[in-house]
Amino acid sequence: MPAASKVVLVVEDDPDIREVLEEMLDAGGHKVLTASNGREALAVLDRVPSPCLVLLDLMMPVMSGFAFLEELTRRPDRERVNVLLISANAQVEQVRSSGVVGFVKKPFDLDDVLALVDNHVR
């Protein structure tokens, strides 16, 4: 298993986008965890050591990315988790949560996303 510094959590409700991101990040040498909404992502964070980066969609059922970010700020290990937002939502630039390291607009270029991930993993 790659070092903990290479663990990325992909939180995306669209199964096709989630699978493409998972395959691309895995091929790039990252250990990838996935969740289909914010609630699942919080459960993943409860079970495994904190990933170095979370790729987070904002508009999801069950628990949105906005709600996930709000809940994440209450966690004691929050400062160790960087978040890269991926969304078609025009409000993405308005998110100024601590730990949000960048924004990617959908549709996105896979090479650009991989470069950003590589840039932000610790």
N, C-alpha and C. Protein backbone atom coordinates (compact mmCIF):
# COMPACT_ATOMS: atom_id res chain seq x y z
N MET A 1 0.85 -1.19 0.00
CA MET A 1 0.00 0.00 0.00
C MET A 1 0.89 1.23 0.00
N PRO A 2 0.54 2.25 -0.81
CA PRO A 2 1.33 3.47 -0.84
C PRO A 2 1.34 4.16 0.52
N ALA A 3 2.29 5.02 0.74
CA ALA A 3 2.37 5.78 1.98
C ALA A 3 1.09 6.55 2.21
N ALA A 4 0.80 6.83 3.48
CA ALA A 4 -0.43 7.55 3.83
C ALA A 4 -0.50 8.89 3.10
N SER A 5 0.64 9.46 2.78
CA SER A 5 0.64 10.75 2.11
C SER A 5 0.11 10.66 0.68
N LYS A 6 -0.13 9.46 0.19
CA LYS A 6 -0.65 9.29 -1.17
C LYS A 6 -2.12 8.85 -1.18
N VAL A 7 -2.80 8.89 -0.03
CA VAL A 7 -4.19 8.47 0.04
C VAL A 7 -5.11 9.63 -0.32
N VAL A 8 -6.00 9.38 -1.30
CA VAL A 8 -6.95 10.39 -1.76
C VAL A 8 -8.36 9.82 -1.63
N LEU A 9 -9.26 10.60 -1.04
CA LEU A 9 -10.66 10.22 -0.93
C LEU A 9 -11.45 10.99 -1.99
N VAL A 10 -12.11 10.24 -2.88
CA VAL A 10 -12.94 10.83 -3.93
C VAL A 10 -14.39 10.76 -3.47
N VAL A 11 -15.04 11.92 -3.34
CA VAL A 11 -16.44 11.99 -2.92
C VAL A 11 -17.23 12.57 -4.09
N GLU A 12 -17.94 11.68 -4.78
CA GLU A 12 -18.63 12.04 -6.03
C GLU A 12 -19.84 11.13 -6.19
N ASP A 13 -21.02 11.72 -6.43
CA ASP A 13 -22.23 10.91 -6.56
C ASP A 13 -22.39 10.26 -7.92
N ASP A 14 -21.78 10.79 -8.96
CA ASP A 14 -21.88 10.20 -10.30
C ASP A 14 -20.92 9.02 -10.38
N PRO A 15 -21.45 7.79 -10.53
CA PRO A 15 -20.58 6.61 -10.52
C PRO A 15 -19.56 6.59 -11.65
N ASP A 16 -19.92 7.14 -12.82
CA ASP A 16 -18.97 7.16 -13.93
C ASP A 16 -17.80 8.09 -13.65
N ILE A 17 -18.09 9.29 -13.14
CA ILE A 17 -17.02 10.23 -12.80
C ILE A 17 -16.16 9.68 -11.67
N ARG A 18 -16.82 9.09 -10.66
CA ARG A 18 -16.09 8.51 -9.52
C ARG A 18 -15.14 7.42 -10.01
N GLU A 19 -15.60 6.56 -10.91
CA GLU A 19 -14.77 5.47 -11.42
C GLU A 19 -13.59 6.00 -12.24
N VAL A 20 -13.83 6.98 -13.09
CA VAL A 20 -12.76 7.56 -13.91
C VAL A 20 -11.70 8.19 -13.01
N LEU A 21 -12.14 8.96 -12.00
CA LEU A 21 -11.19 9.58 -11.08
C LEU A 21 -10.39 8.52 -10.32
N GLU A 22 -11.09 7.48 -9.86
CA GLU A 22 -10.42 6.41 -9.12
C GLU A 22 -9.35 5.74 -9.98
N GLU A 23 -9.70 5.40 -11.22
CA GLU A 23 -8.74 4.73 -12.11
C GLU A 23 -7.54 5.63 -12.42
N MET A 24 -7.82 6.92 -12.68
CA MET A 24 -6.75 7.86 -13.02
C MET A 24 -5.80 8.05 -11.83
N LEU A 25 -6.36 8.23 -10.64
CA LEU A 25 -5.52 8.44 -9.46
C LEU A 25 -4.74 7.18 -9.09
N ASP A 26 -5.38 6.03 -9.24
CA ASP A 26 -4.69 4.77 -8.98
C ASP A 26 -3.52 4.59 -9.94
N ALA A 27 -3.74 4.88 -11.21
CA ALA A 27 -2.66 4.79 -12.20
C ALA A 27 -1.55 5.80 -11.91
N GLY A 28 -1.91 6.91 -11.23
CA GLY A 28 -0.93 7.93 -10.86
C GLY A 28 -0.18 7.61 -9.58
N GLY A 29 -0.44 6.42 -9.00
CA GLY A 29 0.30 6.00 -7.82
C GLY A 29 -0.35 6.33 -6.49
N HIS A 30 -1.62 6.71 -6.51
CA HIS A 30 -2.31 7.06 -5.27
C HIS A 30 -3.17 5.90 -4.80
N LYS A 31 -3.30 5.76 -3.50
CA LYS A 31 -4.28 4.85 -2.91
C LYS A 31 -5.58 5.62 -2.88
N VAL A 32 -6.65 5.07 -3.46
CA VAL A 32 -7.91 5.79 -3.62
C VAL A 32 -9.01 5.15 -2.79
N LEU A 33 -9.70 5.99 -2.03
CA LEU A 33 -10.90 5.60 -1.32
C LEU A 33 -12.04 6.37 -1.97
N THR A 34 -13.25 5.81 -1.97
CA THR A 34 -14.37 6.50 -2.61
C THR A 34 -15.59 6.54 -1.71
N ALA A 35 -16.43 7.54 -1.97
CA ALA A 35 -17.72 7.67 -1.31
C ALA A 35 -18.66 8.36 -2.29
N SER A 36 -19.95 8.02 -2.21
CA SER A 36 -20.91 8.59 -3.16
C SER A 36 -21.64 9.81 -2.61
N ASN A 37 -21.38 10.18 -1.36
CA ASN A 37 -21.97 11.39 -0.78
C ASN A 37 -21.21 11.75 0.50
N GLY A 38 -21.54 12.90 1.06
CA GLY A 38 -20.82 13.38 2.23
C GLY A 38 -20.95 12.47 3.44
N ARG A 39 -22.12 11.89 3.64
CA ARG A 39 -22.30 10.99 4.80
C ARG A 39 -21.39 9.77 4.68
N GLU A 40 -21.32 9.18 3.49
CA GLU A 40 -20.41 8.04 3.28
C GLU A 40 -18.96 8.47 3.49
N ALA A 41 -18.63 9.66 3.05
CA ALA A 41 -17.25 10.16 3.21
C ALA A 41 -16.89 10.30 4.68
N LEU A 42 -17.81 10.80 5.49
CA LEU A 42 -17.54 10.92 6.93
C LEU A 42 -17.35 9.54 7.55
N ALA A 43 -18.13 8.55 7.10
CA ALA A 43 -17.97 7.19 7.59
C ALA A 43 -16.61 6.63 7.21
N VAL A 44 -16.15 6.93 5.99
CA VAL A 44 -14.81 6.50 5.57
C VAL A 44 -13.76 7.12 6.47
N LEU A 45 -13.90 8.41 6.76
CA LEU A 45 -12.93 9.09 7.62
C LEU A 45 -12.93 8.53 9.04
N ASP A 46 -14.06 7.98 9.48
CA ASP A 46 -14.13 7.35 10.80
C ASP A 46 -13.40 6.00 10.83
N ARG A 47 -13.29 5.35 9.68
CA ARG A 47 -12.70 4.01 9.62
C ARG A 47 -11.23 3.98 9.27
N VAL A 48 -10.75 4.97 8.57
CA VAL A 48 -9.36 4.92 8.09
C VAL A 48 -8.63 6.19 8.51
N PRO A 49 -7.31 6.13 8.54
CA PRO A 49 -6.56 7.36 8.82
C PRO A 49 -6.89 8.42 7.78
N SER A 50 -6.77 9.64 8.18
CA SER A 50 -7.12 10.75 7.29
C SER A 50 -6.34 10.70 5.99
N PRO A 51 -7.05 10.87 4.87
CA PRO A 51 -6.34 10.97 3.59
C PRO A 51 -5.60 12.30 3.53
N CYS A 52 -4.66 12.39 2.64
CA CYS A 52 -3.95 13.66 2.49
C CYS A 52 -4.77 14.65 1.69
N LEU A 53 -5.73 14.15 0.90
CA LEU A 53 -6.54 15.02 0.06
C LEU A 53 -7.91 14.41 -0.16
N VAL A 54 -8.94 15.27 -0.16
CA VAL A 54 -10.29 14.87 -0.50
C VAL A 54 -10.68 15.60 -1.77
N LEU A 55 -11.07 14.85 -2.81
CA LEU A 55 -11.67 15.44 -4.02
C LEU A 55 -13.16 15.43 -3.78
N LEU A 56 -13.76 16.60 -3.68
CA LEU A 56 -15.13 16.72 -3.21
C LEU A 56 -16.05 17.40 -4.21
N ASP A 57 -17.09 16.66 -4.63
CA ASP A 57 -18.17 17.26 -5.40
C ASP A 57 -19.04 18.03 -4.40
N LEU A 58 -19.69 19.08 -4.85
CA LEU A 58 -20.52 19.87 -3.95
C LEU A 58 -21.99 19.46 -3.98
N MET A 59 -22.51 19.16 -5.15
CA MET A 59 -23.93 18.86 -5.29
C MET A 59 -24.14 17.34 -5.32
N MET A 60 -24.58 16.80 -4.16
CA MET A 60 -24.80 15.37 -4.03
C MET A 60 -26.04 15.13 -3.18
N PRO A 61 -26.72 14.00 -3.39
CA PRO A 61 -27.85 13.66 -2.52
C PRO A 61 -27.34 13.17 -1.16
N VAL A 62 -28.25 12.99 -0.24
CA VAL A 62 -28.00 12.50 1.12
C VAL A 62 -27.27 13.55 1.95
N MET A 63 -26.03 13.86 1.61
CA MET A 63 -25.28 14.94 2.27
C MET A 63 -24.42 15.61 1.22
N SER A 64 -24.67 16.89 1.00
CA SER A 64 -23.94 17.64 -0.01
C SER A 64 -22.49 17.88 0.41
N GLY A 65 -21.71 18.33 -0.55
CA GLY A 65 -20.33 18.71 -0.24
C GLY A 65 -20.28 19.88 0.72
N PHE A 66 -21.24 20.80 0.62
CA PHE A 66 -21.30 21.93 1.54
C PHE A 66 -21.49 21.43 2.98
N ALA A 67 -22.44 20.51 3.18
CA ALA A 67 -22.70 19.95 4.51
C ALA A 67 -21.50 19.14 5.00
N PHE A 68 -20.86 18.41 4.09
CA PHE A 68 -19.65 17.66 4.46
C PHE A 68 -18.57 18.60 4.99
N LEU A 69 -18.34 19.70 4.27
CA LEU A 69 -17.32 20.67 4.71
C LEU A 69 -17.66 21.24 6.09
N GLU A 70 -18.93 21.54 6.30
CA GLU A 70 -19.35 22.07 7.60
C GLU A 70 -19.07 21.05 8.71
N GLU A 71 -19.41 19.81 8.45
CA GLU A 71 -19.18 18.75 9.44
C GLU A 71 -17.68 18.50 9.65
N LEU A 72 -16.94 18.57 8.58
CA LEU A 72 -15.49 18.33 8.65
C LEU A 72 -14.80 19.36 9.56
N THR A 73 -15.31 20.58 9.58
CA THR A 73 -14.69 21.62 10.42
C THR A 73 -14.81 21.30 11.90
N ARG A 74 -15.72 20.43 12.26
CA ARG A 74 -15.92 20.06 13.67
C ARG A 74 -15.00 18.92 14.11
N ARG A 75 -14.27 18.33 13.19
CA ARG A 75 -13.44 17.18 13.52
C ARG A 75 -12.07 17.61 14.04
N PRO A 76 -11.57 16.89 15.03
CA PRO A 76 -10.26 17.26 15.60
C PRO A 76 -9.10 17.09 14.62
N ASP A 77 -9.23 16.20 13.65
CA ASP A 77 -8.14 15.95 12.70
C ASP A 77 -8.28 16.80 11.44
N ARG A 78 -9.15 17.80 11.46
CA ARG A 78 -9.48 18.59 10.29
C ARG A 78 -8.26 19.22 9.61
N GLU A 79 -7.33 19.73 10.40
CA GLU A 79 -6.20 20.45 9.82
C GLU A 79 -5.29 19.57 8.97
N ARG A 80 -5.43 18.26 9.10
CA ARG A 80 -4.60 17.36 8.30
C ARG A 80 -5.22 17.00 6.95
N VAL A 81 -6.44 17.45 6.69
CA VAL A 81 -7.16 17.06 5.48
C VAL A 81 -7.32 18.26 4.55
N ASN A 82 -6.69 18.20 3.38
CA ASN A 82 -6.88 19.21 2.35
C ASN A 82 -8.04 18.78 1.45
N VAL A 83 -8.79 19.76 0.96
CA VAL A 83 -9.95 19.49 0.12
C VAL A 83 -9.80 20.23 -1.21
N LEU A 84 -9.99 19.49 -2.29
CA LEU A 84 -10.01 20.05 -3.63
C LEU A 84 -11.43 19.87 -4.15
N LEU A 85 -12.12 20.98 -4.41
CA LEU A 85 -13.51 20.92 -4.86
C LEU A 85 -13.58 20.66 -6.35
N ILE A 86 -14.52 19.79 -6.73
CA ILE A 86 -14.78 19.49 -8.13
C ILE A 86 -16.28 19.64 -8.32
N SER A 87 -16.69 20.63 -9.13
CA SER A 87 -18.11 20.88 -9.26
C SER A 87 -18.43 21.69 -10.50
N ALA A 88 -19.63 21.50 -11.01
CA ALA A 88 -20.14 22.35 -12.09
C ALA A 88 -20.85 23.55 -11.48
N ASN A 89 -21.01 23.55 -10.18
CA ASN A 89 -21.72 24.60 -9.46
C ASN A 89 -20.98 25.93 -9.54
N ALA A 90 -21.69 26.95 -9.92
CA ALA A 90 -21.09 28.28 -10.05
C ALA A 90 -20.68 28.85 -8.69
N GLN A 91 -21.21 28.32 -7.60
CA GLN A 91 -20.90 28.82 -6.26
C GLN A 91 -19.55 28.33 -5.75
N VAL A 92 -18.86 27.52 -6.52
CA VAL A 92 -17.64 26.89 -6.04
C VAL A 92 -16.62 27.93 -5.57
N GLU A 93 -16.54 29.08 -6.23
CA GLU A 93 -15.57 30.10 -5.82
C GLU A 93 -15.96 30.75 -4.51
N GLN A 94 -17.21 30.62 -4.10
CA GLN A 94 -17.67 31.24 -2.87
C GLN A 94 -17.29 30.44 -1.63
N VAL A 95 -16.87 29.20 -1.81
CA VAL A 95 -16.50 28.37 -0.67
C VAL A 95 -15.12 28.80 -0.20
N ARG A 96 -15.04 29.29 0.99
CA ARG A 96 -13.78 29.77 1.54
C ARG A 96 -13.42 29.01 2.81
N SER A 97 -13.83 27.75 2.85
CA SER A 97 -13.56 26.92 4.02
C SER A 97 -12.07 26.70 4.20
N SER A 98 -11.64 26.70 5.41
CA SER A 98 -10.24 26.40 5.69
C SER A 98 -9.95 24.99 5.21
N GLY A 99 -8.83 24.83 4.58
CA GLY A 99 -8.46 23.53 4.06
C GLY A 99 -8.83 23.31 2.61
N VAL A 100 -9.69 24.16 2.04
CA VAL A 100 -10.00 24.05 0.62
C VAL A 100 -8.82 24.63 -0.15
N VAL A 101 -8.14 23.76 -0.88
CA VAL A 101 -6.89 24.16 -1.54
C VAL A 101 -7.08 24.53 -3.01
N GLY A 102 -8.27 24.26 -3.55
CA GLY A 102 -8.47 24.60 -4.95
C GLY A 102 -9.84 24.20 -5.44
N PHE A 103 -10.11 24.60 -6.69
CA PHE A 103 -11.39 24.36 -7.33
C PHE A 103 -11.17 23.85 -8.75
N VAL A 104 -11.94 22.87 -9.14
CA VAL A 104 -11.92 22.37 -10.50
C VAL A 104 -13.35 22.40 -11.00
N LYS A 105 -13.56 23.05 -12.13
CA LYS A 105 -14.90 23.14 -12.73
C LYS A 105 -15.15 21.93 -13.62
N LYS A 106 -16.34 21.35 -13.50
CA LYS A 106 -16.78 20.31 -14.41
C LYS A 106 -17.32 20.98 -15.66
N PRO A 107 -17.11 20.41 -16.82
CA PRO A 107 -16.26 19.24 -17.09
C PRO A 107 -14.79 19.62 -16.93
N PHE A 108 -14.00 18.64 -16.55
CA PHE A 108 -12.60 18.90 -16.27
C PHE A 108 -11.70 18.03 -17.13
N ASP A 109 -10.46 18.44 -17.23
CA ASP A 109 -9.44 17.68 -17.94
C ASP A 109 -8.74 16.78 -16.93
N LEU A 110 -8.68 15.48 -17.21
CA LEU A 110 -8.11 14.53 -16.26
C LEU A 110 -6.65 14.83 -15.92
N ASP A 111 -5.87 15.24 -16.91
CA ASP A 111 -4.47 15.57 -16.64
C ASP A 111 -4.36 16.76 -15.71
N ASP A 112 -5.24 17.73 -15.85
CA ASP A 112 -5.23 18.89 -14.95
C ASP A 112 -5.57 18.48 -13.52
N VAL A 113 -6.55 17.60 -13.37
CA VAL A 113 -6.92 17.13 -12.03
C VAL A 113 -5.76 16.37 -11.40
N LEU A 114 -5.14 15.48 -12.14
CA LEU A 114 -4.01 14.71 -11.61
C LEU A 114 -2.86 15.64 -11.20
N ALA A 115 -2.61 16.66 -11.99
CA ALA A 115 -1.54 17.62 -11.67
C ALA A 115 -1.88 18.35 -10.37
N LEU A 116 -3.14 18.77 -10.21
CA LEU A 116 -3.54 19.44 -8.98
C LEU A 116 -3.44 18.51 -7.77
N VAL A 117 -3.87 17.27 -7.93
CA VAL A 117 -3.75 16.31 -6.84
C VAL A 117 -2.29 16.13 -6.45
N ASP A 118 -1.44 15.89 -7.43
CA ASP A 118 -0.01 15.72 -7.15
C ASP A 118 0.59 16.94 -6.47
N ASN A 119 0.07 18.11 -6.81
CA ASN A 119 0.55 19.36 -6.24
C ASN A 119 0.15 19.51 -4.77
N HIS A 120 -0.98 18.89 -4.38
CA HIS A 120 -1.52 19.12 -3.03
C HIS A 120 -1.38 17.94 -2.08
N VAL A 121 -0.86 16.81 -2.54
CA VAL A 121 -0.65 15.72 -1.59
C VAL A 121 0.58 16.05 -0.76
N ARG A 122 0.52 15.66 0.49
CA ARG A 122 1.63 15.96 1.40
C ARG A 122 2.63 14.83 1.38
